[in-house]
Amino acid sequence: VSSDGELRLAQLPGGEDVLSDLLWVTAPFAAELPGPGGTKRRGASDGMIAVESAKWGDFRGCVPADHYDVIGQIGDRGPDPISGFDAANFYVNIAADLERKGL
């Protein structure tokens, strides 16, 4: 949460995170989306969920994390050493943001 009270999400200079080796199996399927005329197209994903599928409610963008980073699982030992993403801090900030909104 920034000094002006707004929830800010960290971004890498390139806007990407390194995908966990375990997610290389599911990533191609997660990124497959319906295209025109019954074709398939590729989209961005966290290795398990396509970004297009995650857009609901007040979608505020993506974080530099794969699915395992976001849920704080599979060997999570704090902030990601590459992107700096910290799942615990991320959810504390979301809770604080919801509280500020009276939810």
C-alpha atoms as a PDB file:
ATOM      1  CA  VAL A   1       0.000   0.000   0.000  1.00  0.00           C
ATOM      2  CA  SER A   2       1.469   3.341  -1.015  1.00  0.00           C
ATOM      3  CA  SER A   3       1.675   6.470   1.125  1.00  0.00           C
ATOM      4  CA  ASP A   4      -1.446   7.847  -0.611  1.00  0.00           C
ATOM      5  CA  GLY A   5      -3.437   4.794   0.517  1.00  0.00           C
ATOM      6  CA  GLU A   6      -3.664   3.151  -2.899  1.00  0.00           C
ATOM      7  CA  LEU A   7      -2.904  -0.519  -3.436  1.00  0.00           C
ATOM      8  CA  ARG A   8       0.114  -0.774  -5.735  1.00  0.00           C
ATOM      9  CA  LEU A   9       1.280  -3.951  -7.421  1.00  0.00           C
ATOM     10  CA  ALA A  10       4.963  -4.558  -8.071  1.00  0.00           C
ATOM     11  CA  GLN A  11       6.028  -4.899 -11.678  1.00  0.00           C
ATOM     12  CA  LEU A  12       9.223  -6.274 -13.110  1.00  0.00           C
ATOM     13  CA  PRO A  13      10.941  -4.130 -15.744  1.00  0.00           C
ATOM     14  CA  GLY A  14       9.907  -6.725 -18.352  1.00  0.00           C
ATOM     15  CA  GLY A  15       6.559  -7.375 -16.632  1.00  0.00           C
ATOM     16  CA  GLU A  16       7.209 -11.108 -16.267  1.00  0.00           C
ATOM     17  CA  ASP A  17       8.202 -13.695 -13.684  1.00  0.00           C
ATOM     18  CA  VAL A  18      10.048 -16.978 -14.126  1.00  0.00           C
ATOM     19  CA  LEU A  19       7.547 -19.836 -14.342  1.00  0.00           C
ATOM     20  CA  SER A  20       8.021 -22.678 -11.850  1.00  0.00           C
ATOM     21  CA  ASP A  21       9.361 -25.819 -13.513  1.00  0.00           C
ATOM     22  CA  LEU A  22       6.283 -27.726 -12.304  1.00  0.00           C
ATOM     23  CA  LEU A  23       3.967 -25.404 -14.252  1.00  0.00           C
ATOM     24  CA  TRP A  24       5.596 -25.938 -17.646  1.00  0.00           C
ATOM     25  CA  VAL A  25       3.276 -28.935 -18.060  1.00  0.00           C
ATOM     26  CA  THR A  26       0.049 -27.000 -17.492  1.00  0.00           C
ATOM     27  CA  ALA A  27       1.035 -23.611 -18.944  1.00  0.00           C
ATOM     28  CA  PRO A  28       0.260 -24.418 -22.604  1.00  0.00           C
ATOM     29  CA  PHE A  29      -3.264 -25.522 -21.681  1.00  0.00           C
ATOM     30  CA  ALA A  30      -3.881 -22.608 -19.304  1.00  0.00           C
ATOM     31  CA  ALA A  31      -2.945 -20.113 -22.008  1.00  0.00           C
ATOM     32  CA  GLU A  32      -5.149 -21.704 -24.694  1.00  0.00           C
ATOM     33  CA  LEU A  33      -8.201 -19.569 -25.406  1.00  0.00           C
ATOM     34  CA  PRO A  34     -11.009 -19.765 -27.947  1.00  0.00           C
ATOM     35  CA  GLY A  35     -10.269 -17.816 -31.103  1.00  0.00           C
ATOM     36  CA  PRO A  36     -12.376 -16.797 -34.101  1.00  0.00           C
ATOM     37  CA  GLY A  37     -14.125 -19.560 -36.033  1.00  0.00           C
ATOM     38  CA  GLY A  38     -13.426 -22.254 -33.444  1.00  0.00           C
ATOM     39  CA  THR A  39      -9.668 -21.787 -33.624  1.00  0.00           C
ATOM     40  CA  LYS A  40      -7.400 -21.652 -30.605  1.00  0.00           C
ATOM     41  CA  ARG A  41      -5.200 -18.747 -29.616  1.00  0.00           C
ATOM     42  CA  ARG A  42      -2.567 -18.295 -26.936  1.00  0.00           C
ATOM     43  CA  GLY A  43      -2.887 -15.803 -24.115  1.00  0.00           C
ATOM     44  CA  ALA A  44      -1.000 -14.925 -20.962  1.00  0.00           C
ATOM     45  CA  SER A  45      -1.362 -17.132 -17.895  1.00  0.00           C
ATOM     46  CA  ASP A  46       0.182 -17.793 -14.500  1.00  0.00           C
ATOM     47  CA  GLY A  47       0.800 -21.387 -15.545  1.00  0.00           C
ATOM     48  CA  MET A  48      -2.640 -22.610 -14.462  1.00  0.00           C
ATOM     49  CA  ILE A  49      -5.155 -19.807 -15.068  1.00  0.00           C
ATOM     50  CA  ALA A  50      -5.399 -17.647 -18.190  1.00  0.00           C
ATOM     51  CA  VAL A  51      -5.360 -13.911 -17.476  1.00  0.00           C
ATOM     52  CA  GLU A  52      -8.572 -13.590 -19.512  1.00  0.00           C
ATOM     53  CA  SER A  53     -10.259 -16.045 -17.132  1.00  0.00           C
ATOM     54  CA  ALA A  54      -9.024 -14.117 -14.084  1.00  0.00           C
ATOM     55  CA  LYS A  55     -10.619 -10.850 -15.191  1.00  0.00           C
ATOM     56  CA  TRP A  56     -13.752 -10.473 -13.128  1.00  0.00           C
ATOM     57  CA  GLY A  57     -14.960  -7.861 -10.688  1.00  0.00           C
ATOM     58  CA  ASP A  58     -12.568  -4.934 -10.360  1.00  0.00           C
ATOM     59  CA  PHE A  59      -9.613  -6.402 -12.269  1.00  0.00           C
ATOM     60  CA  ARG A  60      -6.562  -4.334 -11.360  1.00  0.00           C
ATOM     61  CA  GLY A  61      -3.842  -5.977 -13.373  1.00  0.00           C
ATOM     62  CA  CYS A  62      -1.331  -8.770 -13.069  1.00  0.00           C
ATOM     63  CA  VAL A  63       1.385  -9.416 -10.530  1.00  0.00           C
ATOM     64  CA  PRO A  64       4.897 -10.675 -11.325  1.00  0.00           C
ATOM     65  CA  ALA A  65       4.180 -14.191 -10.088  1.00  0.00           C
ATOM     66  CA  ASP A  66       3.194 -17.632 -11.311  1.00  0.00           C
ATOM     67  CA  HIS A  67       0.287 -19.582  -9.831  1.00  0.00           C
ATOM     68  CA  TYR A  68       2.376 -21.179  -7.094  1.00  0.00           C
ATOM     69  CA  ASP A  69       3.792 -17.786  -6.065  1.00  0.00           C
ATOM     70  CA  VAL A  70       0.289 -16.268  -5.858  1.00  0.00           C
ATOM     71  CA  ILE A  71      -1.083 -19.011  -3.628  1.00  0.00           C
ATOM     72  CA  GLY A  72       2.106 -19.159  -1.525  1.00  0.00           C
ATOM     73  CA  GLN A  73       2.624 -22.877  -2.116  1.00  0.00           C
ATOM     74  CA  ILE A  74       5.176 -25.381  -3.430  1.00  0.00           C
ATOM     75  CA  GLY A  75       8.332 -24.397  -1.625  1.00  0.00           C
ATOM     76  CA  ASP A  76       7.310 -20.798  -0.961  1.00  0.00           C
ATOM     77  CA  ARG A  77       9.898 -19.334   1.392  1.00  0.00           C
ATOM     78  CA  GLY A  78       9.000 -15.669   1.314  1.00  0.00           C
ATOM     79  CA  PRO A  79       9.525 -13.093  -1.420  1.00  0.00           C
ATOM     80  CA  ASP A  80      10.418 -14.464  -4.847  1.00  0.00           C
ATOM     81  CA  PRO A  81      14.169 -13.999  -5.326  1.00  0.00           C
ATOM     82  CA  ILE A  82      13.712 -12.890  -8.949  1.00  0.00           C
ATOM     83  CA  SER A  83      10.591 -10.714  -8.926  1.00  0.00           C
ATOM     84  CA  GLY A  84      10.378  -9.805  -5.236  1.00  0.00           C
ATOM     85  CA  PHE A  85       6.701 -10.872  -5.167  1.00  0.00           C
ATOM     86  CA  ASP A  86       5.645 -11.742  -1.602  1.00  0.00           C
ATOM     87  CA  ALA A  87       2.334 -13.641  -1.372  1.00  0.00           C
ATOM     88  CA  ALA A  88       1.798 -12.955   2.334  1.00  0.00           C
ATOM     89  CA  ASN A  89       2.354  -9.216   1.904  1.00  0.00           C
ATOM     90  CA  PHE A  90       0.173  -9.218  -1.233  1.00  0.00           C
ATOM     91  CA  TYR A  91      -2.816 -10.618   0.698  1.00  0.00           C
ATOM     92  CA  VAL A  92      -2.243  -8.299   3.682  1.00  0.00           C
ATOM     93  CA  ASN A  93      -2.414  -5.382   1.225  1.00  0.00           C
ATOM     94  CA  ILE A  94      -5.592  -6.731  -0.377  1.00  0.00           C
ATOM     95  CA  ALA A  95      -7.228  -7.092   3.044  1.00  0.00           C
ATOM     96  CA  ALA A  96      -6.181  -3.536   3.986  1.00  0.00           C
ATOM     97  CA  ASP A  97      -7.556  -2.231   0.695  1.00  0.00           C
ATOM     98  CA  LEU A  98     -10.901  -3.987   1.261  1.00  0.00           C
ATOM     99  CA  GLU A  99     -11.069  -2.606   4.803  1.00  0.00           C
ATOM    100  CA  ARG A 100     -10.464   0.936   3.515  1.00  0.00           C
ATOM    101  CA  LYS A 101     -13.371   0.412   1.125  1.00  0.00           C
ATOM    102  CA  GLY A 102     -15.576  -0.682   4.028  1.00  0.00           C
ATOM    103  CA  LEU A 103     -15.898  -4.263   2.821  1.00  0.00           C
END
